[in-house]
N, C-alpha and C. Protein backbone atom coordinates (compact mmCIF):
# COMPACT_ATOMS: atom_id res chain seq x y z
N MET A 1 16.87 43.43 -71.43
CA MET A 1 17.93 43.02 -70.54
C MET A 1 17.30 42.64 -69.20
N ILE A 2 17.58 41.45 -68.76
CA ILE A 2 17.11 41.01 -67.45
C ILE A 2 18.34 40.71 -66.61
N LEU A 3 18.34 41.20 -65.39
CA LEU A 3 19.46 41.03 -64.48
C LEU A 3 18.95 40.44 -63.19
N GLU A 4 19.41 39.25 -62.84
CA GLU A 4 19.01 38.64 -61.58
C GLU A 4 20.04 38.97 -60.52
N ILE A 5 19.57 39.45 -59.40
CA ILE A 5 20.43 39.83 -58.28
C ILE A 5 20.32 38.74 -57.23
N GLY A 6 21.39 38.45 -56.54
CA GLY A 6 21.42 37.39 -55.53
C GLY A 6 20.61 37.67 -54.30
N ILE A 7 20.71 36.81 -53.34
CA ILE A 7 19.95 36.90 -52.10
C ILE A 7 20.66 37.82 -51.12
N SER A 8 19.88 38.68 -50.49
CA SER A 8 20.39 39.58 -49.46
C SER A 8 20.26 38.90 -48.10
N GLU A 9 21.04 39.34 -47.15
CA GLU A 9 20.95 38.82 -45.79
C GLU A 9 19.74 39.37 -45.04
N ARG A 10 19.20 40.50 -45.51
CA ARG A 10 18.05 41.10 -44.84
C ARG A 10 16.80 40.27 -45.09
N LYS A 11 15.97 40.13 -44.06
CA LYS A 11 14.75 39.35 -44.18
C LYS A 11 13.70 40.18 -44.93
N MET A 12 13.07 39.56 -45.91
CA MET A 12 12.06 40.23 -46.70
C MET A 12 10.68 40.02 -46.07
N VAL A 13 9.90 41.09 -45.96
CA VAL A 13 8.55 41.01 -45.44
C VAL A 13 7.61 40.58 -46.57
N ASN A 14 7.49 41.38 -47.62
CA ASN A 14 6.71 41.08 -48.81
C ASN A 14 7.58 41.33 -50.03
N SER A 15 7.32 40.58 -51.10
CA SER A 15 8.01 40.92 -52.34
C SER A 15 7.48 42.27 -52.81
N LYS A 16 8.25 42.92 -53.66
CA LYS A 16 7.90 44.26 -54.11
C LYS A 16 7.95 44.33 -55.63
N LEU A 17 7.02 45.07 -56.19
CA LEU A 17 7.07 45.44 -57.59
C LEU A 17 7.37 46.93 -57.60
N ILE A 18 8.54 47.28 -58.10
CA ILE A 18 9.00 48.68 -58.07
C ILE A 18 9.22 49.14 -59.51
N ILE A 19 8.54 50.21 -59.86
CA ILE A 19 8.69 50.81 -61.18
C ILE A 19 9.53 52.07 -61.02
N VAL A 20 10.65 52.12 -61.73
CA VAL A 20 11.51 53.31 -61.73
C VAL A 20 11.32 53.95 -63.10
N ARG A 21 10.64 55.11 -63.11
CA ARG A 21 10.31 55.75 -64.39
C ARG A 21 10.86 57.16 -64.43
N GLY A 22 11.15 57.61 -65.62
CA GLY A 22 11.67 58.96 -65.78
C GLY A 22 12.02 59.22 -67.22
N PRO A 23 12.32 60.46 -67.55
CA PRO A 23 12.70 60.79 -68.92
C PRO A 23 14.08 60.22 -69.24
N PRO A 24 14.46 60.23 -70.51
CA PRO A 24 15.80 59.78 -70.87
C PRO A 24 16.87 60.52 -70.07
N GLY A 25 17.86 59.80 -69.58
CA GLY A 25 18.96 60.44 -68.88
C GLY A 25 18.70 60.75 -67.42
N SER A 26 17.58 60.31 -66.88
CA SER A 26 17.25 60.63 -65.48
C SER A 26 17.90 59.66 -64.48
N GLY A 27 18.47 58.57 -64.97
CA GLY A 27 19.14 57.61 -64.09
C GLY A 27 18.33 56.36 -63.80
N LYS A 28 17.29 56.10 -64.58
CA LYS A 28 16.40 54.96 -64.34
C LYS A 28 17.13 53.64 -64.20
N SER A 29 17.91 53.29 -65.19
CA SER A 29 18.56 51.97 -65.22
C SER A 29 19.56 51.82 -64.08
N THR A 30 20.37 52.83 -63.87
CA THR A 30 21.37 52.79 -62.81
C THR A 30 20.71 52.66 -61.45
N ILE A 31 19.69 53.48 -61.20
CA ILE A 31 19.02 53.46 -59.91
C ILE A 31 18.27 52.14 -59.70
N ALA A 32 17.61 51.63 -60.74
CA ALA A 32 16.89 50.36 -60.63
C ALA A 32 17.85 49.23 -60.24
N LYS A 33 19.00 49.19 -60.87
CA LYS A 33 19.98 48.13 -60.57
C LYS A 33 20.45 48.22 -59.12
N ILE A 34 20.76 49.41 -58.66
CA ILE A 34 21.25 49.58 -57.28
C ILE A 34 20.15 49.23 -56.28
N ILE A 35 18.93 49.66 -56.54
CA ILE A 35 17.82 49.32 -55.64
C ILE A 35 17.66 47.80 -55.56
N GLY A 36 17.70 47.13 -56.71
CA GLY A 36 17.61 45.67 -56.73
C GLY A 36 18.68 45.00 -55.89
N GLU A 37 19.87 45.55 -55.91
CA GLU A 37 20.98 44.99 -55.13
C GLU A 37 20.80 45.21 -53.63
N LYS A 38 20.14 46.30 -53.25
CA LYS A 38 20.05 46.66 -51.83
C LYS A 38 18.79 46.18 -51.13
N LEU A 39 17.82 45.70 -51.87
CA LEU A 39 16.59 45.21 -51.24
C LEU A 39 16.81 43.87 -50.55
N ALA A 40 16.02 43.62 -49.52
CA ALA A 40 16.07 42.31 -48.84
C ALA A 40 15.50 41.25 -49.77
N GLY A 41 16.01 40.04 -49.68
CA GLY A 41 15.52 38.93 -50.49
C GLY A 41 16.14 38.91 -51.87
N LYS A 42 15.55 38.12 -52.77
CA LYS A 42 16.01 38.03 -54.15
C LYS A 42 15.35 39.11 -54.98
N SER A 43 16.08 39.61 -55.95
CA SER A 43 15.53 40.63 -56.83
C SER A 43 15.86 40.32 -58.27
N ILE A 44 14.95 40.72 -59.14
CA ILE A 44 15.22 40.70 -60.58
C ILE A 44 14.98 42.12 -61.09
N VAL A 45 15.89 42.59 -61.92
CA VAL A 45 15.82 43.94 -62.44
C VAL A 45 15.80 43.85 -63.95
N PHE A 46 14.85 44.55 -64.58
CA PHE A 46 14.94 44.61 -66.03
C PHE A 46 14.43 45.93 -66.57
N SER A 47 14.98 46.26 -67.73
CA SER A 47 14.61 47.48 -68.42
C SER A 47 13.48 47.16 -69.37
N LYS A 48 12.30 47.70 -69.10
CA LYS A 48 11.14 47.44 -69.95
C LYS A 48 11.42 47.84 -71.39
N ASP A 49 12.00 49.00 -71.59
CA ASP A 49 12.22 49.49 -72.94
C ASP A 49 13.21 48.61 -73.71
N SER A 50 14.33 48.23 -73.07
CA SER A 50 15.30 47.35 -73.71
C SER A 50 14.70 45.97 -73.97
N PHE A 51 13.92 45.49 -73.00
CA PHE A 51 13.29 44.18 -73.14
C PHE A 51 12.34 44.16 -74.33
N LEU A 52 11.54 45.22 -74.48
CA LEU A 52 10.58 45.25 -75.57
C LEU A 52 11.28 45.35 -76.93
N ILE A 53 12.42 45.99 -76.99
CA ILE A 53 13.20 46.01 -78.22
C ILE A 53 13.59 44.58 -78.58
N GLY A 54 14.00 43.79 -77.57
CA GLY A 54 14.34 42.39 -77.79
C GLY A 54 13.14 41.57 -78.23
N VAL A 55 11.99 41.84 -77.66
CA VAL A 55 10.76 41.14 -78.05
C VAL A 55 10.43 41.48 -79.50
N ASN A 56 10.58 42.73 -79.89
CA ASN A 56 10.34 43.12 -81.28
C ASN A 56 11.30 42.40 -82.22
N PHE A 57 12.52 42.19 -81.75
CA PHE A 57 13.51 41.47 -82.54
C PHE A 57 13.03 40.05 -82.85
N MET A 58 12.21 39.50 -81.95
CA MET A 58 11.66 38.16 -82.14
C MET A 58 10.40 38.21 -83.01
N ASN A 59 10.21 39.32 -83.73
CA ASN A 59 9.07 39.51 -84.63
C ASN A 59 7.73 39.49 -83.91
N THR A 60 7.70 39.93 -82.69
CA THR A 60 6.45 40.07 -81.95
C THR A 60 6.06 41.53 -82.02
N ASP A 61 5.32 41.88 -83.07
CA ASP A 61 4.98 43.29 -83.30
C ASP A 61 3.78 43.75 -82.49
N SER A 62 2.98 42.84 -82.01
CA SER A 62 1.77 43.19 -81.30
C SER A 62 2.09 43.81 -79.94
N LYS A 63 1.58 45.01 -79.71
CA LYS A 63 1.76 45.66 -78.40
C LYS A 63 1.11 44.82 -77.31
N GLU A 64 -0.02 44.20 -77.62
CA GLU A 64 -0.71 43.36 -76.65
C GLU A 64 0.15 42.15 -76.28
N ALA A 65 0.79 41.54 -77.27
CA ALA A 65 1.67 40.40 -76.99
C ALA A 65 2.85 40.83 -76.14
N GLN A 66 3.41 42.00 -76.43
CA GLN A 66 4.52 42.52 -75.64
C GLN A 66 4.11 42.72 -74.19
N ARG A 67 2.96 43.35 -73.97
CA ARG A 67 2.48 43.58 -72.60
C ARG A 67 2.24 42.26 -71.88
N GLU A 68 1.71 41.28 -72.58
CA GLU A 68 1.42 39.98 -71.97
C GLU A 68 2.71 39.28 -71.55
N ILE A 69 3.75 39.37 -72.36
CA ILE A 69 5.05 38.77 -72.03
C ILE A 69 5.61 39.42 -70.77
N VAL A 70 5.59 40.75 -70.72
CA VAL A 70 6.09 41.46 -69.54
C VAL A 70 5.27 41.06 -68.31
N LYS A 71 3.96 41.02 -68.46
CA LYS A 71 3.07 40.65 -67.34
C LYS A 71 3.38 39.24 -66.83
N LEU A 72 3.59 38.30 -67.73
CA LEU A 72 3.89 36.92 -67.32
C LEU A 72 5.22 36.83 -66.57
N ILE A 73 6.20 37.59 -67.00
CA ILE A 73 7.49 37.62 -66.31
C ILE A 73 7.31 38.16 -64.89
N ILE A 74 6.56 39.25 -64.77
CA ILE A 74 6.33 39.85 -63.46
C ILE A 74 5.63 38.85 -62.54
N ILE A 75 4.56 38.25 -63.02
CA ILE A 75 3.81 37.28 -62.21
C ILE A 75 4.70 36.13 -61.79
N TYR A 76 5.48 35.60 -62.71
CA TYR A 76 6.37 34.47 -62.41
C TYR A 76 7.29 34.79 -61.24
N TYR A 77 7.95 35.95 -61.29
CA TYR A 77 8.92 36.29 -60.24
C TYR A 77 8.25 36.71 -58.94
N LEU A 78 7.13 37.41 -59.01
CA LEU A 78 6.44 37.77 -57.76
C LEU A 78 5.97 36.51 -57.03
N ARG A 79 5.48 35.53 -57.76
CA ARG A 79 5.02 34.28 -57.14
C ARG A 79 6.18 33.50 -56.54
N LYS A 80 7.37 33.69 -57.06
CA LYS A 80 8.56 33.05 -56.49
C LYS A 80 9.17 33.90 -55.37
N LYS A 81 8.45 34.96 -54.97
CA LYS A 81 8.84 35.86 -53.88
C LYS A 81 10.09 36.68 -54.19
N TYR A 82 10.28 37.02 -55.43
CA TYR A 82 11.34 37.94 -55.83
C TYR A 82 10.81 39.37 -55.76
N ASN A 83 11.70 40.31 -55.51
CA ASN A 83 11.40 41.71 -55.77
C ASN A 83 11.59 41.91 -57.27
N VAL A 84 10.68 42.62 -57.90
CA VAL A 84 10.79 42.90 -59.33
C VAL A 84 10.96 44.41 -59.48
N VAL A 85 12.08 44.81 -60.07
CA VAL A 85 12.38 46.23 -60.28
C VAL A 85 12.45 46.44 -61.79
N ILE A 86 11.60 47.32 -62.28
CA ILE A 86 11.51 47.58 -63.73
C ILE A 86 11.79 49.05 -63.98
N ASP A 87 12.67 49.32 -64.94
CA ASP A 87 12.86 50.72 -65.32
C ASP A 87 12.30 50.93 -66.72
N GLY A 88 11.75 52.10 -66.94
CA GLY A 88 11.19 52.44 -68.24
C GLY A 88 10.57 53.82 -68.20
N LEU A 89 10.14 54.29 -69.37
CA LEU A 89 9.50 55.60 -69.44
C LEU A 89 8.11 55.57 -68.82
N PHE A 90 7.33 54.53 -69.13
CA PHE A 90 5.93 54.43 -68.68
C PHE A 90 5.23 55.77 -68.88
N GLY A 91 5.31 56.27 -70.10
CA GLY A 91 4.73 57.57 -70.42
C GLY A 91 3.59 57.43 -71.39
N GLY A 92 3.33 58.50 -72.09
CA GLY A 92 2.26 58.52 -73.08
C GLY A 92 0.91 58.77 -72.45
N LYS A 93 -0.08 58.79 -73.31
CA LYS A 93 -1.44 59.09 -72.85
C LYS A 93 -2.03 58.02 -71.96
N ASP A 94 -1.58 56.78 -72.11
CA ASP A 94 -2.12 55.68 -71.29
C ASP A 94 -1.14 55.20 -70.23
N GLY A 95 -0.13 55.99 -69.93
CA GLY A 95 0.89 55.60 -68.95
C GLY A 95 0.33 55.34 -67.57
N ALA A 96 -0.57 56.22 -67.10
CA ALA A 96 -1.16 56.04 -65.76
C ALA A 96 -1.99 54.77 -65.71
N LYS A 97 -2.69 54.47 -66.79
CA LYS A 97 -3.51 53.25 -66.86
C LYS A 97 -2.60 52.01 -66.77
N LYS A 98 -1.46 52.04 -67.47
CA LYS A 98 -0.51 50.92 -67.40
C LYS A 98 0.02 50.75 -65.98
N LEU A 99 0.35 51.86 -65.33
CA LEU A 99 0.87 51.79 -63.96
C LEU A 99 -0.19 51.27 -62.99
N ASP A 100 -1.43 51.71 -63.16
CA ASP A 100 -2.51 51.19 -62.31
C ASP A 100 -2.72 49.70 -62.54
N GLY A 101 -2.56 49.25 -63.78
CA GLY A 101 -2.65 47.82 -64.09
C GLY A 101 -1.56 47.03 -63.38
N LEU A 102 -0.35 47.58 -63.34
CA LEU A 102 0.75 46.92 -62.64
C LEU A 102 0.50 46.90 -61.13
N LYS A 103 -0.11 47.96 -60.63
CA LYS A 103 -0.46 47.99 -59.20
C LYS A 103 -1.45 46.87 -58.89
N SER A 104 -2.46 46.69 -59.72
CA SER A 104 -3.42 45.60 -59.52
C SER A 104 -2.73 44.24 -59.56
N LEU A 105 -1.79 44.10 -60.47
CA LEU A 105 -1.02 42.86 -60.58
C LEU A 105 -0.24 42.58 -59.30
N ALA A 106 0.37 43.61 -58.73
CA ALA A 106 1.12 43.46 -57.48
C ALA A 106 0.17 43.05 -56.35
N ILE A 107 -0.96 43.71 -56.25
CA ILE A 107 -1.92 43.41 -55.19
C ILE A 107 -2.42 41.97 -55.31
N LYS A 108 -2.74 41.53 -56.52
CA LYS A 108 -3.21 40.15 -56.74
C LYS A 108 -2.17 39.13 -56.31
N ASN A 109 -0.90 39.51 -56.40
CA ASN A 109 0.19 38.60 -56.05
C ASN A 109 0.76 38.90 -54.67
N LYS A 110 -0.02 39.61 -53.85
CA LYS A 110 0.33 39.90 -52.46
C LYS A 110 1.72 40.55 -52.33
N SER A 111 1.97 41.50 -53.22
CA SER A 111 3.25 42.20 -53.24
C SER A 111 3.02 43.70 -53.05
N ASP A 112 4.01 44.36 -52.48
CA ASP A 112 3.95 45.81 -52.33
C ASP A 112 4.25 46.45 -53.69
N PHE A 113 3.69 47.63 -53.92
CA PHE A 113 3.86 48.31 -55.21
C PHE A 113 4.36 49.73 -54.99
N TYR A 114 5.37 50.10 -55.75
CA TYR A 114 5.95 51.44 -55.65
C TYR A 114 6.25 51.96 -57.05
N VAL A 115 6.01 53.24 -57.23
CA VAL A 115 6.41 53.93 -58.45
C VAL A 115 7.36 55.04 -58.03
N ILE A 116 8.53 55.03 -58.62
CA ILE A 116 9.53 56.07 -58.38
C ILE A 116 9.54 56.96 -59.62
N ASN A 117 9.11 58.20 -59.47
CA ASN A 117 9.09 59.17 -60.58
C ASN A 117 10.37 60.00 -60.51
N LEU A 118 11.29 59.73 -61.42
CA LEU A 118 12.53 60.51 -61.49
C LEU A 118 12.32 61.68 -62.43
N ASN A 119 12.77 62.85 -62.03
CA ASN A 119 12.61 64.03 -62.86
C ASN A 119 13.94 64.72 -63.08
N CYS A 120 14.11 65.27 -64.27
CA CYS A 120 15.27 66.11 -64.57
C CYS A 120 14.88 67.05 -65.70
N SER A 121 15.64 68.09 -65.87
CA SER A 121 15.36 69.07 -66.93
C SER A 121 15.76 68.48 -68.29
N LEU A 122 15.21 69.07 -69.34
CA LEU A 122 15.58 68.66 -70.69
C LEU A 122 17.07 68.89 -70.92
N LYS A 123 17.60 69.97 -70.38
CA LYS A 123 19.04 70.27 -70.50
C LYS A 123 19.87 69.15 -69.88
N ASP A 124 19.49 68.71 -68.67
CA ASP A 124 20.19 67.61 -68.02
C ASP A 124 20.04 66.31 -68.79
N SER A 125 18.86 66.09 -69.33
CA SER A 125 18.60 64.89 -70.12
C SER A 125 19.58 64.83 -71.31
N PHE A 126 19.68 65.94 -72.05
CA PHE A 126 20.63 66.02 -73.17
C PHE A 126 22.05 65.74 -72.70
N SER A 127 22.46 66.44 -71.67
CA SER A 127 23.82 66.34 -71.16
C SER A 127 24.18 64.91 -70.77
N ARG A 128 23.29 64.27 -70.03
CA ARG A 128 23.56 62.90 -69.55
C ARG A 128 23.60 61.90 -70.69
N ILE A 129 22.69 62.03 -71.64
CA ILE A 129 22.65 61.08 -72.75
C ILE A 129 23.87 61.23 -73.65
N LEU A 130 24.25 62.46 -73.90
CA LEU A 130 25.38 62.69 -74.81
C LEU A 130 26.72 62.30 -74.20
N THR A 131 26.79 62.15 -72.88
CA THR A 131 28.05 61.74 -72.23
C THR A 131 27.94 60.34 -71.63
N ARG A 132 26.86 59.64 -71.89
CA ARG A 132 26.59 58.34 -71.29
C ARG A 132 27.58 57.28 -71.76
N LYS A 133 27.95 56.45 -70.81
CA LYS A 133 28.78 55.28 -71.10
C LYS A 133 27.91 54.06 -70.83
N GLY A 134 28.14 53.01 -71.55
CA GLY A 134 27.39 51.79 -71.24
C GLY A 134 26.47 51.35 -72.35
N HIS A 135 25.24 51.03 -71.99
CA HIS A 135 24.35 50.34 -72.91
C HIS A 135 23.83 51.19 -74.07
N ILE A 136 23.90 52.50 -73.97
CA ILE A 136 23.48 53.33 -75.09
C ILE A 136 24.67 54.15 -75.56
N VAL A 137 24.94 54.07 -76.84
CA VAL A 137 26.10 54.73 -77.41
C VAL A 137 25.84 56.24 -77.51
N PRO A 138 26.78 57.07 -76.98
CA PRO A 138 26.61 58.52 -77.12
C PRO A 138 26.46 58.89 -78.59
N GLY A 139 25.56 59.82 -78.86
CA GLY A 139 25.33 60.25 -80.23
C GLY A 139 24.35 59.39 -80.99
N LYS A 140 23.86 58.30 -80.39
CA LYS A 140 22.93 57.40 -81.06
C LYS A 140 21.58 58.08 -81.28
N PHE A 141 21.18 58.91 -80.33
CA PHE A 141 19.90 59.58 -80.41
C PHE A 141 20.10 61.03 -80.85
N SER A 142 19.24 61.46 -81.76
CA SER A 142 19.28 62.86 -82.18
C SER A 142 18.61 63.71 -81.11
N ARG A 143 18.86 65.01 -81.16
CA ARG A 143 18.21 65.92 -80.22
C ARG A 143 16.69 65.83 -80.37
N LYS A 144 16.23 65.69 -81.60
CA LYS A 144 14.80 65.60 -81.88
C LYS A 144 14.20 64.35 -81.20
N GLU A 145 14.92 63.25 -81.27
CA GLU A 145 14.42 62.01 -80.65
C GLU A 145 14.43 62.10 -79.12
N ILE A 146 15.44 62.72 -78.56
CA ILE A 146 15.50 62.90 -77.10
C ILE A 146 14.31 63.75 -76.65
N ILE A 147 14.03 64.82 -77.38
CA ILE A 147 12.90 65.68 -77.04
C ILE A 147 11.59 64.90 -77.14
N LYS A 148 11.47 64.08 -78.18
CA LYS A 148 10.25 63.27 -78.35
C LYS A 148 10.03 62.37 -77.14
N TRP A 149 11.05 61.65 -76.70
CA TRP A 149 10.90 60.72 -75.56
C TRP A 149 10.75 61.48 -74.25
N TYR A 150 11.37 62.62 -74.14
CA TYR A 150 11.22 63.47 -72.95
C TYR A 150 9.75 63.90 -72.81
N LYS A 151 9.17 64.38 -73.90
CA LYS A 151 7.76 64.79 -73.89
C LYS A 151 6.84 63.59 -73.63
N TYR A 152 7.18 62.45 -74.21
CA TYR A 152 6.38 61.23 -74.02
C TYR A 152 6.29 60.88 -72.54
N PHE A 153 7.41 60.94 -71.83
CA PHE A 153 7.40 60.65 -70.40
C PHE A 153 6.48 61.61 -69.67
N TYR A 154 6.60 62.90 -69.94
CA TYR A 154 5.84 63.90 -69.19
C TYR A 154 4.37 64.00 -69.60
N GLN A 155 3.93 63.19 -70.59
CA GLN A 155 2.50 63.11 -70.90
C GLN A 155 1.75 62.42 -69.76
N THR A 156 2.45 61.60 -69.01
CA THR A 156 1.83 60.87 -67.90
C THR A 156 2.27 61.49 -66.59
N LYS A 157 1.33 61.97 -65.84
CA LYS A 157 1.61 62.46 -64.48
C LYS A 157 1.05 61.39 -63.55
N TYR A 158 1.93 60.74 -62.83
CA TYR A 158 1.50 59.69 -61.91
C TYR A 158 1.80 60.16 -60.50
N ASP A 159 0.83 60.81 -59.88
CA ASP A 159 1.05 61.44 -58.59
C ASP A 159 0.94 60.48 -57.41
N LYS A 160 0.78 59.19 -57.69
CA LYS A 160 0.73 58.19 -56.62
C LYS A 160 2.12 57.65 -56.30
N GLY A 161 3.13 58.20 -56.93
CA GLY A 161 4.48 57.69 -56.75
C GLY A 161 5.34 58.57 -55.87
N ILE A 162 6.57 58.15 -55.74
CA ILE A 162 7.58 58.88 -54.98
C ILE A 162 8.31 59.78 -55.97
N GLU A 163 8.27 61.08 -55.74
CA GLU A 163 8.88 62.05 -56.66
C GLU A 163 10.32 62.34 -56.24
N ILE A 164 11.24 62.23 -57.19
CA ILE A 164 12.65 62.50 -56.94
C ILE A 164 13.18 63.37 -58.08
N ASN A 165 13.80 64.49 -57.74
CA ASN A 165 14.47 65.31 -58.74
C ASN A 165 15.94 64.91 -58.74
N THR A 166 16.38 64.26 -59.81
CA THR A 166 17.75 63.73 -59.86
C THR A 166 18.79 64.82 -60.08
N GLU A 167 18.35 66.05 -60.29
CA GLU A 167 19.30 67.16 -60.41
C GLU A 167 19.70 67.69 -59.03
N GLU A 168 18.86 67.45 -58.04
CA GLU A 168 19.10 67.99 -56.70
C GLU A 168 19.90 67.06 -55.80
N LEU A 169 19.97 65.78 -56.16
CA LEU A 169 20.64 64.78 -55.32
C LEU A 169 21.66 64.02 -56.15
N ASN A 170 22.74 63.58 -55.51
CA ASN A 170 23.67 62.71 -56.23
C ASN A 170 23.10 61.29 -56.20
N LEU A 171 23.76 60.37 -56.86
CA LEU A 171 23.26 59.00 -56.98
C LEU A 171 23.06 58.34 -55.62
N ASP A 172 24.04 58.42 -54.75
CA ASP A 172 23.92 57.79 -53.42
C ASP A 172 22.76 58.38 -52.62
N GLU A 173 22.61 59.70 -52.66
CA GLU A 173 21.52 60.35 -51.94
C GLU A 173 20.16 59.93 -52.51
N THR A 174 20.09 59.82 -53.82
CA THR A 174 18.85 59.41 -54.48
C THR A 174 18.44 58.01 -54.05
N VAL A 175 19.38 57.07 -54.12
CA VAL A 175 19.10 55.68 -53.75
C VAL A 175 18.72 55.60 -52.27
N LYS A 176 19.45 56.30 -51.43
CA LYS A 176 19.16 56.29 -49.99
C LYS A 176 17.74 56.79 -49.71
N LEU A 177 17.36 57.88 -50.35
CA LEU A 177 16.02 58.44 -50.16
C LEU A 177 14.94 57.45 -50.62
N ILE A 178 15.15 56.85 -51.76
CA ILE A 178 14.17 55.87 -52.28
C ILE A 178 14.03 54.69 -51.33
N LEU A 179 15.15 54.14 -50.89
CA LEU A 179 15.10 52.99 -49.97
C LEU A 179 14.44 53.36 -48.64
N GLU A 180 14.71 54.55 -48.14
CA GLU A 180 14.05 55.00 -46.90
C GLU A 180 12.54 55.06 -47.07
N LYS A 181 12.09 55.57 -48.20
CA LYS A 181 10.65 55.69 -48.45
C LYS A 181 10.03 54.30 -48.63
N ILE A 182 10.71 53.40 -49.30
CA ILE A 182 10.18 52.04 -49.49
C ILE A 182 10.15 51.29 -48.16
N ARG A 183 11.25 51.35 -47.45
CA ARG A 183 11.32 50.60 -46.17
C ARG A 183 10.39 51.21 -45.13
N GLY A 184 10.16 52.51 -45.20
CA GLY A 184 9.29 53.19 -44.25
C GLY A 184 7.83 52.82 -44.37
N ARG A 185 7.45 52.25 -45.53
CA ARG A 185 6.07 51.91 -45.77
C ARG A 185 5.75 50.48 -45.35
N ASN A 186 6.71 49.74 -44.85
CA ASN A 186 6.45 48.35 -44.42
C ASN A 186 5.96 48.32 -43.01
């Protein structure tokens, strides 16, 4: 899913590549969309995980081909001076390596780079997924699958990012804190 957000009245200094990562149910997609709407300039927001499911649907089974497609999309929009906001797990054993690769990509394209690490308990993850409305149907994932993806996310510790516990803040407070940290670094 790719969502293009319109132009903001705020003047943009540099385009930004922002990764919003977290376990299932942590609020990645919702927060990424809101951040994209509130940033200065043009923004494009997409869900890496949903996008890759679509790429697989096109019979592109190669992980390398999938990564290259995502990379080309990022480069295209950064060069057009868009903010690119991506949500996804970015977990697993090579998650930090993938994030460092995206950081290099941002630097090469003269863009700022941010990683937002959203955290929540497994209990909250279950609760949010099972009551979720929208793009994922409640009950679609088994408890076993939720645990698998939860563990997958936490295999990668990326301490170069902004840490947010989504259990301690409501949605508005979370977005406000993230935007303050991003804007404070310009």
